[in-house]
N, C-alpha and C. Protein backbone atom coordinates (compact mmCIF):
# COMPACT_ATOMS: atom_id res chain seq x y z
N UNK A 1 -9.55 -4.01 11.99
CA UNK A 1 -8.91 -5.20 12.46
C UNK A 1 -8.69 -4.91 14.05
N UNK A 2 -8.86 -5.96 14.70
CA UNK A 2 -8.44 -5.89 16.24
C UNK A 2 -7.02 -5.74 16.48
N UNK A 3 -6.55 -5.37 17.52
CA UNK A 3 -4.91 -5.49 17.72
C UNK A 3 -4.48 -6.87 17.69
N UNK A 4 -5.31 -7.84 18.09
CA UNK A 4 -4.78 -9.21 18.04
C UNK A 4 -4.73 -9.67 16.47
N UNK A 5 -5.48 -9.24 15.81
CA UNK A 5 -5.50 -9.56 14.22
C UNK A 5 -4.32 -8.95 13.61
N UNK A 6 -4.25 -7.71 13.95
CA UNK A 6 -3.06 -7.00 13.43
C UNK A 6 -1.63 -7.51 13.85
N UNK A 7 -1.54 -7.97 15.15
CA UNK A 7 -0.34 -8.68 15.53
C UNK A 7 -0.22 -10.12 14.84
N UNK A 8 -1.27 -10.72 14.60
CA UNK A 8 -1.11 -12.17 14.06
C UNK A 8 -0.70 -12.12 12.51
N UNK A 9 -1.14 -10.97 11.83
CA UNK A 9 -0.74 -10.80 10.51
C UNK A 9 0.66 -10.40 10.19
N UNK A 10 1.33 -9.91 11.26
CA UNK A 10 2.74 -9.39 11.22
C UNK A 10 3.73 -10.46 11.41
N UNK A 11 4.72 -10.50 10.53
CA UNK A 11 5.92 -11.54 10.78
C UNK A 11 6.70 -10.66 11.70
N UNK A 12 6.82 -11.11 13.02
CA UNK A 12 7.50 -10.36 14.22
C UNK A 12 6.33 -9.53 14.85
N UNK A 13 6.80 -8.62 15.52
CA UNK A 13 5.82 -7.68 16.09
C UNK A 13 5.38 -6.56 15.23
N UNK A 14 4.11 -6.14 15.31
CA UNK A 14 3.43 -5.07 14.58
C UNK A 14 4.02 -3.74 15.20
N UNK A 15 4.53 -2.92 14.37
CA UNK A 15 4.97 -1.61 14.83
C UNK A 15 3.88 -0.80 15.42
N UNK A 16 4.04 -0.21 16.57
CA UNK A 16 2.82 0.62 17.14
C UNK A 16 3.32 1.95 16.75
N UNK A 17 2.05 2.74 16.57
CA UNK A 17 1.96 4.24 16.18
C UNK A 17 1.84 4.92 17.39
N UNK A 18 0.73 4.71 18.15
CA UNK A 18 0.43 5.36 19.44
C UNK A 18 0.55 6.98 19.25
N UNK A 19 -0.12 7.47 18.16
CA UNK A 19 -0.19 8.73 17.96
C UNK A 19 -0.82 9.11 16.66
N UNK A 20 -0.77 10.27 16.19
CA UNK A 20 -1.32 10.74 14.80
C UNK A 20 -0.48 10.15 13.68
N UNK A 21 -1.18 10.10 12.57
CA UNK A 21 -0.67 9.83 11.33
C UNK A 21 -0.13 11.05 10.81
N UNK A 22 1.14 11.05 10.13
CA UNK A 22 1.73 12.21 9.57
C UNK A 22 1.46 12.25 7.97
N UNK A 23 0.70 13.17 7.53
CA UNK A 23 0.36 13.26 6.23
C UNK A 23 1.21 14.38 5.56
N UNK A 24 1.61 14.33 4.42
CA UNK A 24 2.42 15.32 3.59
C UNK A 24 1.49 15.68 2.39
N UNK A 25 1.73 16.85 1.93
CA UNK A 25 1.20 17.35 0.67
C UNK A 25 1.78 16.55 -0.46
N UNK A 26 1.11 16.41 -1.49
CA UNK A 26 1.58 15.69 -2.62
C UNK A 26 3.03 16.12 -3.14
N UNK A 27 3.74 15.12 -3.42
CA UNK A 27 5.18 15.32 -3.72
C UNK A 27 5.33 14.65 -5.23
N UNK A 28 5.69 15.51 -6.22
CA UNK A 28 5.75 15.06 -7.62
C UNK A 28 6.86 14.06 -7.76
N UNK A 29 7.73 13.91 -6.78
CA UNK A 29 8.73 12.94 -6.91
C UNK A 29 8.12 11.62 -6.63
N UNK A 30 6.91 11.40 -6.10
CA UNK A 30 6.47 9.98 -5.82
C UNK A 30 6.29 9.13 -7.00
N UNK A 31 5.88 9.59 -8.06
CA UNK A 31 5.74 8.72 -9.25
C UNK A 31 7.14 8.22 -9.77
N UNK A 32 8.19 9.07 -9.68
CA UNK A 32 9.57 8.62 -10.05
C UNK A 32 10.10 7.55 -9.05
N UNK A 33 9.77 7.82 -7.82
CA UNK A 33 10.27 6.68 -6.91
C UNK A 33 9.63 5.43 -7.10
N UNK A 34 8.29 5.47 -7.54
CA UNK A 34 7.55 4.21 -7.90
C UNK A 34 8.24 3.51 -9.25
N UNK A 35 8.52 4.38 -10.06
CA UNK A 35 9.02 3.92 -11.35
C UNK A 35 10.31 3.24 -11.21
N UNK A 36 11.17 3.75 -10.41
CA UNK A 36 12.60 3.29 -10.06
C UNK A 36 12.34 1.89 -9.42
N UNK A 37 11.57 1.86 -8.28
CA UNK A 37 11.23 0.63 -7.48
C UNK A 37 10.52 -0.46 -8.60
N UNK A 38 9.64 -0.07 -9.36
CA UNK A 38 9.07 -1.10 -10.13
C UNK A 38 9.91 -1.58 -11.24
N UNK A 39 10.80 -0.90 -11.74
CA UNK A 39 11.87 -1.36 -12.72
C UNK A 39 12.86 -2.29 -12.01
N UNK A 40 13.14 -2.05 -10.89
CA UNK A 40 13.98 -2.98 -10.15
C UNK A 40 13.30 -4.12 -9.87
N UNK A 41 12.23 -4.14 -9.44
CA UNK A 41 11.45 -5.21 -8.93
C UNK A 41 11.13 -6.19 -10.25
N UNK A 42 10.64 -5.57 -11.47
CA UNK A 42 10.43 -6.36 -12.60
C UNK A 42 11.61 -7.11 -13.10
N UNK A 43 12.79 -6.30 -12.87
CA UNK A 43 14.16 -6.95 -13.53
C UNK A 43 14.33 -8.21 -12.68
N UNK A 44 14.09 -8.12 -11.33
CA UNK A 44 14.48 -9.24 -10.55
C UNK A 44 13.29 -10.51 -10.64
N UNK A 45 12.14 -10.12 -11.18
CA UNK A 45 11.01 -11.18 -11.40
C UNK A 45 10.92 -11.57 -12.87
N UNK A 46 11.94 -11.36 -13.60
CA UNK A 46 11.77 -11.49 -15.13
C UNK A 46 11.19 -12.80 -15.49
N UNK A 47 11.53 -13.87 -14.69
CA UNK A 47 11.01 -15.27 -14.88
C UNK A 47 9.57 -15.58 -14.33
N UNK A 48 9.01 -14.64 -13.72
CA UNK A 48 7.69 -14.91 -12.97
C UNK A 48 6.62 -13.88 -13.54
N UNK A 49 5.51 -14.56 -13.96
CA UNK A 49 4.32 -13.82 -14.44
C UNK A 49 4.03 -12.83 -13.42
N UNK A 50 3.93 -11.41 -13.68
CA UNK A 50 3.72 -10.51 -12.55
C UNK A 50 3.37 -9.21 -13.21
N UNK A 51 2.79 -8.40 -12.34
CA UNK A 51 2.43 -7.07 -12.77
C UNK A 51 2.59 -6.04 -11.55
N UNK A 52 3.13 -4.84 -11.73
CA UNK A 52 3.38 -4.04 -10.67
C UNK A 52 2.67 -2.61 -10.93
N UNK A 53 1.87 -2.23 -9.91
CA UNK A 53 1.03 -1.03 -10.03
C UNK A 53 1.37 -0.01 -9.01
N UNK A 54 1.34 1.16 -9.16
CA UNK A 54 1.47 2.16 -8.13
C UNK A 54 -0.05 2.54 -7.64
N UNK A 55 -0.17 2.23 -6.32
CA UNK A 55 -1.51 2.28 -5.70
C UNK A 55 -1.38 3.12 -4.55
N UNK A 56 -2.47 3.40 -3.65
CA UNK A 56 -2.25 4.13 -2.48
C UNK A 56 -2.30 5.57 -2.96
N UNK A 57 -2.26 6.54 -1.78
CA UNK A 57 -2.34 7.99 -1.98
C UNK A 57 -1.30 8.54 -2.70
N UNK A 58 -0.12 8.00 -2.78
CA UNK A 58 1.02 8.58 -3.34
C UNK A 58 0.98 8.40 -4.89
N UNK A 59 -0.14 7.68 -5.31
CA UNK A 59 -0.25 7.48 -6.81
C UNK A 59 -1.26 8.42 -7.45
N UNK A 60 -1.74 9.23 -6.51
CA UNK A 60 -2.98 10.22 -6.90
C UNK A 60 -2.42 11.59 -6.88
N UNK A 61 -2.23 12.34 -8.02
CA UNK A 61 -1.75 13.65 -8.05
C UNK A 61 -2.57 14.54 -7.03
N UNK A 62 -1.80 15.41 -6.27
CA UNK A 62 -2.39 16.33 -5.38
C UNK A 62 -3.06 15.82 -4.26
N UNK A 63 -3.04 14.48 -3.90
CA UNK A 63 -3.64 13.98 -2.80
C UNK A 63 -2.66 13.90 -1.63
N UNK A 64 -3.06 14.37 -0.36
CA UNK A 64 -2.07 14.27 0.71
C UNK A 64 -1.90 12.78 1.15
N UNK A 65 -0.56 12.44 1.67
CA UNK A 65 -0.25 11.01 1.95
C UNK A 65 0.69 10.90 2.92
N UNK A 66 0.74 9.68 3.54
CA UNK A 66 1.77 9.27 4.31
C UNK A 66 2.99 9.30 3.28
N UNK A 67 4.17 9.51 3.83
CA UNK A 67 5.33 9.41 2.98
C UNK A 67 5.81 7.84 2.80
N UNK A 68 4.77 7.15 2.19
CA UNK A 68 4.98 5.69 1.75
C UNK A 68 4.44 5.41 0.46
N UNK A 69 5.36 4.76 -0.33
CA UNK A 69 4.92 4.50 -1.68
C UNK A 69 4.40 3.10 -1.67
N UNK A 70 2.97 3.09 -1.80
CA UNK A 70 2.43 1.72 -1.88
C UNK A 70 2.31 1.12 -3.24
N UNK A 71 2.78 -0.08 -3.49
CA UNK A 71 2.79 -0.60 -4.64
C UNK A 71 2.00 -2.03 -4.60
N UNK A 72 1.53 -2.28 -5.79
CA UNK A 72 0.83 -3.73 -5.75
C UNK A 72 1.65 -4.54 -6.74
N UNK A 73 1.99 -5.74 -6.34
CA UNK A 73 2.49 -6.75 -7.04
C UNK A 73 1.57 -7.90 -7.18
N UNK A 74 1.30 -8.23 -8.34
CA UNK A 74 0.37 -9.40 -8.58
C UNK A 74 1.16 -10.63 -9.02
N UNK A 75 1.26 -11.80 -8.50
CA UNK A 75 1.83 -12.93 -8.88
C UNK A 75 0.93 -14.22 -8.92
N UNK A 76 1.20 -15.23 -9.60
CA UNK A 76 0.31 -16.25 -9.54
C UNK A 76 -0.12 -16.81 -8.27
N UNK A 77 0.87 -16.89 -7.22
CA UNK A 77 0.46 -17.39 -5.91
C UNK A 77 1.42 -16.75 -4.76
N UNK A 78 0.81 -15.82 -4.25
CA UNK A 78 1.47 -15.24 -3.10
C UNK A 78 2.06 -16.01 -1.86
N UNK A 79 1.40 -17.19 -1.80
CA UNK A 79 1.72 -18.08 -0.73
C UNK A 79 3.12 -18.87 -1.11
N UNK A 80 3.36 -18.69 -2.42
CA UNK A 80 4.66 -19.27 -2.82
C UNK A 80 5.66 -18.20 -2.62
N UNK A 81 6.10 -17.89 -1.43
CA UNK A 81 7.05 -16.88 -1.07
C UNK A 81 8.38 -17.04 -1.67
N UNK A 82 8.89 -18.33 -1.78
CA UNK A 82 10.11 -18.67 -2.32
C UNK A 82 10.20 -18.19 -3.85
N UNK A 83 9.13 -17.95 -4.46
CA UNK A 83 9.23 -17.53 -6.01
C UNK A 83 9.47 -16.10 -6.09
N UNK A 84 9.45 -15.32 -5.02
CA UNK A 84 9.55 -13.89 -5.06
C UNK A 84 10.53 -13.25 -4.00
N UNK A 85 10.33 -13.64 -2.78
CA UNK A 85 10.95 -13.10 -1.57
C UNK A 85 12.44 -13.04 -1.73
N UNK A 86 13.09 -14.22 -2.15
CA UNK A 86 14.47 -14.26 -2.06
C UNK A 86 15.27 -13.30 -3.03
N UNK A 87 14.57 -13.16 -4.20
CA UNK A 87 15.15 -12.30 -5.26
C UNK A 87 14.80 -10.87 -4.94
N UNK A 88 13.85 -10.47 -4.09
CA UNK A 88 13.56 -9.15 -3.87
C UNK A 88 14.31 -8.68 -2.50
N UNK A 89 14.88 -9.66 -1.80
CA UNK A 89 15.57 -9.26 -0.46
C UNK A 89 16.89 -8.41 -0.87
N UNK A 90 17.65 -8.70 -1.84
CA UNK A 90 18.86 -7.89 -2.25
C UNK A 90 18.51 -6.45 -2.43
N UNK A 91 17.24 -6.18 -2.92
CA UNK A 91 16.79 -4.85 -3.21
C UNK A 91 16.31 -4.10 -1.85
N UNK A 92 16.38 -4.84 -0.75
CA UNK A 92 15.91 -4.30 0.56
C UNK A 92 14.57 -4.63 0.92
N UNK A 93 13.88 -5.49 0.26
CA UNK A 93 12.51 -5.84 0.54
C UNK A 93 12.45 -6.81 1.56
N UNK A 94 11.78 -6.88 2.69
CA UNK A 94 11.51 -7.83 3.89
C UNK A 94 10.03 -8.04 4.02
N UNK A 95 9.79 -9.27 4.15
CA UNK A 95 8.36 -9.90 4.42
C UNK A 95 8.02 -9.53 5.88
N UNK A 96 6.93 -8.61 5.92
CA UNK A 96 6.47 -8.01 7.33
C UNK A 96 5.02 -8.41 7.48
N UNK A 97 4.34 -8.78 6.64
CA UNK A 97 2.82 -9.08 6.81
C UNK A 97 2.48 -10.32 5.94
N UNK A 98 1.92 -11.12 6.65
CA UNK A 98 1.31 -12.42 5.98
C UNK A 98 -0.12 -12.75 6.41
N UNK A 99 -1.07 -12.65 5.37
CA UNK A 99 -2.42 -12.81 5.77
C UNK A 99 -3.08 -13.87 4.85
N UNK A 100 -2.67 -15.13 5.11
CA UNK A 100 -3.24 -16.29 4.35
C UNK A 100 -4.70 -16.27 4.14
N UNK A 101 -5.50 -15.93 5.14
CA UNK A 101 -6.85 -15.93 5.08
C UNK A 101 -7.60 -14.61 4.37
N UNK A 102 -6.78 -13.87 3.68
CA UNK A 102 -7.18 -12.62 2.96
C UNK A 102 -6.57 -12.62 1.78
N UNK A 103 -7.08 -13.34 0.66
CA UNK A 103 -6.35 -13.30 -0.65
C UNK A 103 -4.94 -13.63 -0.74
N UNK A 104 -4.33 -14.40 0.50
CA UNK A 104 -2.96 -14.81 0.51
C UNK A 104 -2.23 -13.49 0.47
N UNK A 105 -2.62 -12.39 0.86
CA UNK A 105 -2.08 -11.09 0.99
C UNK A 105 -0.73 -11.09 1.72
N UNK A 106 0.33 -10.61 1.13
CA UNK A 106 1.70 -10.48 1.69
C UNK A 106 1.93 -8.98 1.68
N UNK A 107 2.79 -8.39 2.55
CA UNK A 107 3.51 -7.15 2.29
C UNK A 107 4.90 -7.37 2.55
N UNK A 108 5.56 -6.75 1.53
CA UNK A 108 7.07 -6.58 1.78
C UNK A 108 7.52 -5.18 2.00
N UNK A 109 8.38 -4.86 2.92
CA UNK A 109 8.60 -3.47 3.12
C UNK A 109 10.15 -3.22 2.98
N UNK A 110 10.32 -1.98 2.37
CA UNK A 110 11.61 -1.47 2.14
C UNK A 110 11.71 -0.12 2.67
N UNK A 111 12.84 0.15 3.40
CA UNK A 111 12.95 1.44 4.08
C UNK A 111 13.77 2.32 3.07
N UNK A 112 13.44 3.42 2.82
CA UNK A 112 14.09 4.37 1.78
C UNK A 112 14.86 5.34 2.58
N UNK A 113 15.85 6.01 1.95
CA UNK A 113 16.65 7.16 2.46
C UNK A 113 16.48 8.10 1.48
N UNK A 114 15.19 8.67 1.42
CA UNK A 114 14.95 9.69 0.46
C UNK A 114 14.11 10.77 1.15
N UNK A 115 14.36 11.95 0.66
CA UNK A 115 13.53 13.03 1.19
C UNK A 115 12.00 12.85 1.10
N UNK A 116 11.67 12.19 -0.15
CA UNK A 116 10.25 12.40 -0.39
C UNK A 116 9.36 11.26 0.18
N UNK A 117 9.99 10.09 0.65
CA UNK A 117 9.38 8.97 1.14
C UNK A 117 10.20 8.24 2.09
N UNK A 118 9.66 7.63 3.12
CA UNK A 118 10.32 6.95 4.14
C UNK A 118 10.41 5.51 3.85
N UNK A 119 9.43 4.98 3.13
CA UNK A 119 9.39 3.56 2.91
C UNK A 119 8.54 3.06 1.58
N UNK A 120 8.68 1.90 1.22
CA UNK A 120 7.91 1.29 0.32
C UNK A 120 7.05 0.15 0.83
N UNK A 121 5.85 0.07 0.76
CA UNK A 121 4.86 -1.17 1.05
C UNK A 121 4.58 -1.81 -0.17
N UNK A 122 5.08 -3.06 -0.41
CA UNK A 122 4.74 -3.77 -1.74
C UNK A 122 3.65 -4.79 -1.05
N UNK A 123 2.53 -4.63 -1.64
CA UNK A 123 1.42 -5.49 -1.43
C UNK A 123 1.37 -6.61 -2.28
N UNK A 124 1.44 -7.83 -2.06
CA UNK A 124 1.50 -8.96 -2.93
C UNK A 124 0.17 -9.69 -2.87
N UNK A 125 -0.47 -9.72 -4.07
CA UNK A 125 -1.84 -10.36 -4.24
C UNK A 125 -1.73 -11.46 -5.44
N UNK A 126 -2.64 -12.14 -5.42
CA UNK A 126 -2.76 -13.20 -6.72
C UNK A 126 -3.29 -12.45 -8.01
N UNK A 127 -2.66 -12.84 -9.13
CA UNK A 127 -3.11 -12.26 -10.40
C UNK A 127 -4.68 -12.52 -10.50
N UNK A 128 -5.30 -11.47 -10.91
CA UNK A 128 -6.83 -11.69 -11.09
C UNK A 128 -7.61 -11.56 -9.85
N UNK A 129 -7.04 -11.10 -8.85
CA UNK A 129 -7.59 -11.13 -7.73
C UNK A 129 -8.55 -9.90 -7.40
N UNK A 130 -9.83 -10.05 -6.80
CA UNK A 130 -10.71 -8.89 -6.53
C UNK A 130 -10.15 -7.82 -5.92
N UNK A 131 -9.35 -8.08 -4.80
CA UNK A 131 -8.80 -6.94 -4.09
C UNK A 131 -7.88 -6.06 -4.92
N UNK A 132 -6.94 -6.72 -5.69
CA UNK A 132 -6.12 -5.97 -6.59
C UNK A 132 -6.85 -5.11 -7.48
N UNK A 133 -7.94 -5.54 -8.10
CA UNK A 133 -8.92 -4.75 -8.87
C UNK A 133 -9.59 -3.65 -8.04
N UNK A 134 -9.91 -3.87 -6.87
CA UNK A 134 -10.49 -2.80 -5.99
C UNK A 134 -9.38 -1.74 -5.89
N UNK A 135 -8.12 -2.07 -5.57
CA UNK A 135 -7.17 -1.16 -5.38
C UNK A 135 -6.83 -0.29 -6.51
N UNK A 136 -6.82 -0.73 -7.65
CA UNK A 136 -6.69 0.01 -8.85
C UNK A 136 -7.84 0.94 -9.36
N UNK A 137 -9.03 0.28 -9.10
CA UNK A 137 -10.31 0.99 -9.46
C UNK A 137 -10.22 2.20 -8.50
N UNK A 138 -10.00 2.02 -7.23
CA UNK A 138 -10.08 3.21 -6.35
C UNK A 138 -9.12 4.33 -6.73
N UNK A 139 -7.96 3.82 -6.96
CA UNK A 139 -6.90 4.79 -7.53
C UNK A 139 -7.44 5.55 -8.77
N UNK A 140 -7.96 4.85 -9.69
CA UNK A 140 -8.46 5.43 -10.90
C UNK A 140 -9.66 6.33 -10.76
N UNK A 141 -10.37 6.06 -9.77
CA UNK A 141 -11.56 6.90 -9.43
C UNK A 141 -11.08 8.32 -8.79
N UNK A 142 -10.20 8.10 -8.01
CA UNK A 142 -9.61 9.38 -7.32
C UNK A 142 -8.84 10.17 -8.28
N UNK A 143 -8.24 9.61 -9.17
CA UNK A 143 -7.56 10.44 -10.33
C UNK A 143 -8.52 11.14 -11.26
N UNK A 144 -9.78 10.47 -11.42
CA UNK A 144 -10.57 10.95 -12.40
C UNK A 144 -11.66 11.97 -11.91
N UNK A 145 -12.15 11.82 -10.56
CA UNK A 145 -13.25 12.60 -10.05
C UNK A 145 -12.77 13.55 -9.07
N UNK A 146 -12.88 14.74 -9.25
CA UNK A 146 -12.47 15.91 -8.38
C UNK A 146 -13.32 15.74 -7.01
N UNK A 147 -14.61 15.46 -7.02
CA UNK A 147 -15.54 15.46 -5.95
C UNK A 147 -14.91 14.38 -4.97
N UNK A 148 -14.73 13.05 -5.54
CA UNK A 148 -14.34 11.96 -4.77
C UNK A 148 -12.83 12.24 -4.19
N UNK A 149 -12.00 12.78 -4.99
CA UNK A 149 -10.63 13.29 -4.66
C UNK A 149 -10.73 14.09 -3.30
N UNK A 150 -11.56 15.08 -3.51
CA UNK A 150 -11.83 16.02 -2.27
C UNK A 150 -12.29 15.39 -1.06
N UNK A 151 -13.36 14.39 -1.22
CA UNK A 151 -13.91 13.74 -0.10
C UNK A 151 -12.87 12.95 0.60
N UNK A 152 -12.25 12.17 -0.19
CA UNK A 152 -11.03 11.29 0.48
C UNK A 152 -9.99 12.22 1.17
N UNK A 153 -9.52 13.25 0.50
CA UNK A 153 -8.50 14.20 1.02
C UNK A 153 -8.84 14.65 2.36
N UNK A 154 -10.17 15.07 2.27
CA UNK A 154 -10.88 15.69 3.72
C UNK A 154 -10.99 14.72 4.81
N UNK A 155 -11.28 13.62 4.35
CA UNK A 155 -11.39 12.39 5.22
C UNK A 155 -10.00 12.05 5.85
N UNK A 156 -9.00 12.03 5.10
CA UNK A 156 -7.65 11.64 5.40
C UNK A 156 -7.13 12.73 6.42
N UNK A 157 -7.36 13.95 6.06
CA UNK A 157 -6.90 15.00 7.06
C UNK A 157 -7.68 14.98 8.21
N UNK A 158 -8.95 14.82 8.21
CA UNK A 158 -9.78 14.80 9.47
C UNK A 158 -9.30 13.77 10.53
N UNK A 159 -8.98 12.65 9.92
CA UNK A 159 -8.65 11.28 10.61
C UNK A 159 -7.10 11.37 11.06
N UNK A 160 -6.33 12.01 10.44
CA UNK A 160 -4.83 11.97 10.58
C UNK A 160 -4.45 12.62 11.96
N UNK A 161 -5.27 13.39 12.47
CA UNK A 161 -4.88 14.18 13.55
C UNK A 161 -5.32 13.36 14.89
N UNK A 162 -6.04 12.28 14.70
CA UNK A 162 -6.37 11.48 15.89
C UNK A 162 -5.22 10.55 16.40
N UNK A 163 -5.40 10.06 17.48
CA UNK A 163 -4.19 9.11 18.05
C UNK A 163 -4.71 7.71 17.54
N UNK A 164 -3.84 7.02 17.06
CA UNK A 164 -4.13 5.56 16.61
C UNK A 164 -3.08 4.75 17.06
N UNK A 165 -3.47 3.51 17.60
CA UNK A 165 -2.69 2.68 18.24
C UNK A 165 -1.71 2.00 17.04
N UNK A 166 -2.33 1.48 15.97
CA UNK A 166 -1.65 1.13 14.85
C UNK A 166 -2.07 1.87 13.63
N UNK A 167 -1.09 1.91 12.50
CA UNK A 167 -1.43 2.66 11.41
C UNK A 167 -2.64 1.90 10.66
N UNK A 168 -2.79 0.64 10.93
CA UNK A 168 -3.98 -0.07 10.27
C UNK A 168 -5.19 0.41 10.95
N UNK A 169 -5.31 0.93 12.18
CA UNK A 169 -6.62 1.39 12.66
C UNK A 169 -6.95 2.76 11.95
N UNK A 170 -6.04 3.63 11.49
CA UNK A 170 -6.26 4.70 10.67
C UNK A 170 -6.83 4.22 9.41
N UNK A 171 -6.19 3.28 8.64
CA UNK A 171 -6.67 2.75 7.51
C UNK A 171 -8.25 2.13 7.62
N UNK A 172 -8.44 1.68 8.60
CA UNK A 172 -9.69 0.97 8.82
C UNK A 172 -10.72 1.99 9.03
N UNK A 173 -10.45 3.18 9.60
CA UNK A 173 -11.31 4.25 9.92
C UNK A 173 -11.87 4.94 8.54
N UNK A 174 -10.99 4.79 7.45
CA UNK A 174 -11.30 5.32 6.37
C UNK A 174 -12.15 4.28 5.49
N UNK A 175 -12.47 3.15 5.84
CA UNK A 175 -13.27 2.07 5.05
C UNK A 175 -14.65 2.62 4.56
N UNK A 176 -15.25 3.25 5.43
CA UNK A 176 -16.61 3.65 4.87
C UNK A 176 -16.62 4.68 3.72
N UNK A 177 -15.71 5.57 3.80
CA UNK A 177 -15.61 6.42 2.64
C UNK A 177 -15.01 5.65 1.47
N UNK A 178 -14.03 4.88 1.69
CA UNK A 178 -13.36 4.11 0.61
C UNK A 178 -14.48 3.34 -0.15
N UNK A 179 -15.47 2.66 0.57
CA UNK A 179 -16.49 1.86 -0.12
C UNK A 179 -17.52 2.78 -0.70
N UNK A 180 -17.80 3.84 -0.12
CA UNK A 180 -18.76 4.74 -0.71
C UNK A 180 -18.07 5.27 -2.17
N UNK A 181 -16.86 5.59 -2.28
CA UNK A 181 -16.18 5.82 -3.44
C UNK A 181 -16.22 4.68 -4.42
N UNK A 182 -15.89 3.53 -4.03
CA UNK A 182 -15.84 2.36 -4.87
C UNK A 182 -17.22 2.14 -5.35
N UNK A 183 -18.24 2.42 -4.78
CA UNK A 183 -19.52 2.10 -5.40
C UNK A 183 -19.87 2.91 -6.59
N UNK A 184 -19.12 4.04 -6.64
CA UNK A 184 -19.32 4.96 -7.81
C UNK A 184 -18.15 4.74 -8.89
N UNK A 185 -17.28 3.84 -8.61
CA UNK A 185 -16.03 3.72 -9.63
C UNK A 185 -16.55 2.82 -10.63
């Protein structure tokens, strides 16, 4: 994504990194943090057809990761923000990204005060969405295949030390390896 595209997707200003990405070695508390957040989210969305998954690097045992719990929430229509954002706000979730041209993707962020993780990024996509499937297939492949796990870990470590204007630039730099792994998934 270009800087203009990154800025356009953000509700408000996109936070700049202007430096390296900080990775931590795998923390066994990450799945528990996910489970706590998933239970709270599901209880608030009890009247809405939804699914909550742990995705991203914190969902893969022994994979280094940014201290951010990435979660996937699928709902019938992410563009229908009033169906989920007001009930998640009391839990600390704030809408920070809106991408109507990319699967109606939304991101809600919650800041944590926990030693294991700084924040939760809740990716909202439509039920049955191709991108939601890609996220879970990628996670499952990394969990199941030691070679792809090592390839991705090495890629993350190599890229994390570089200076990035936005965290999204770091994510984009991993795209070629992600696509390679997905072809085998």
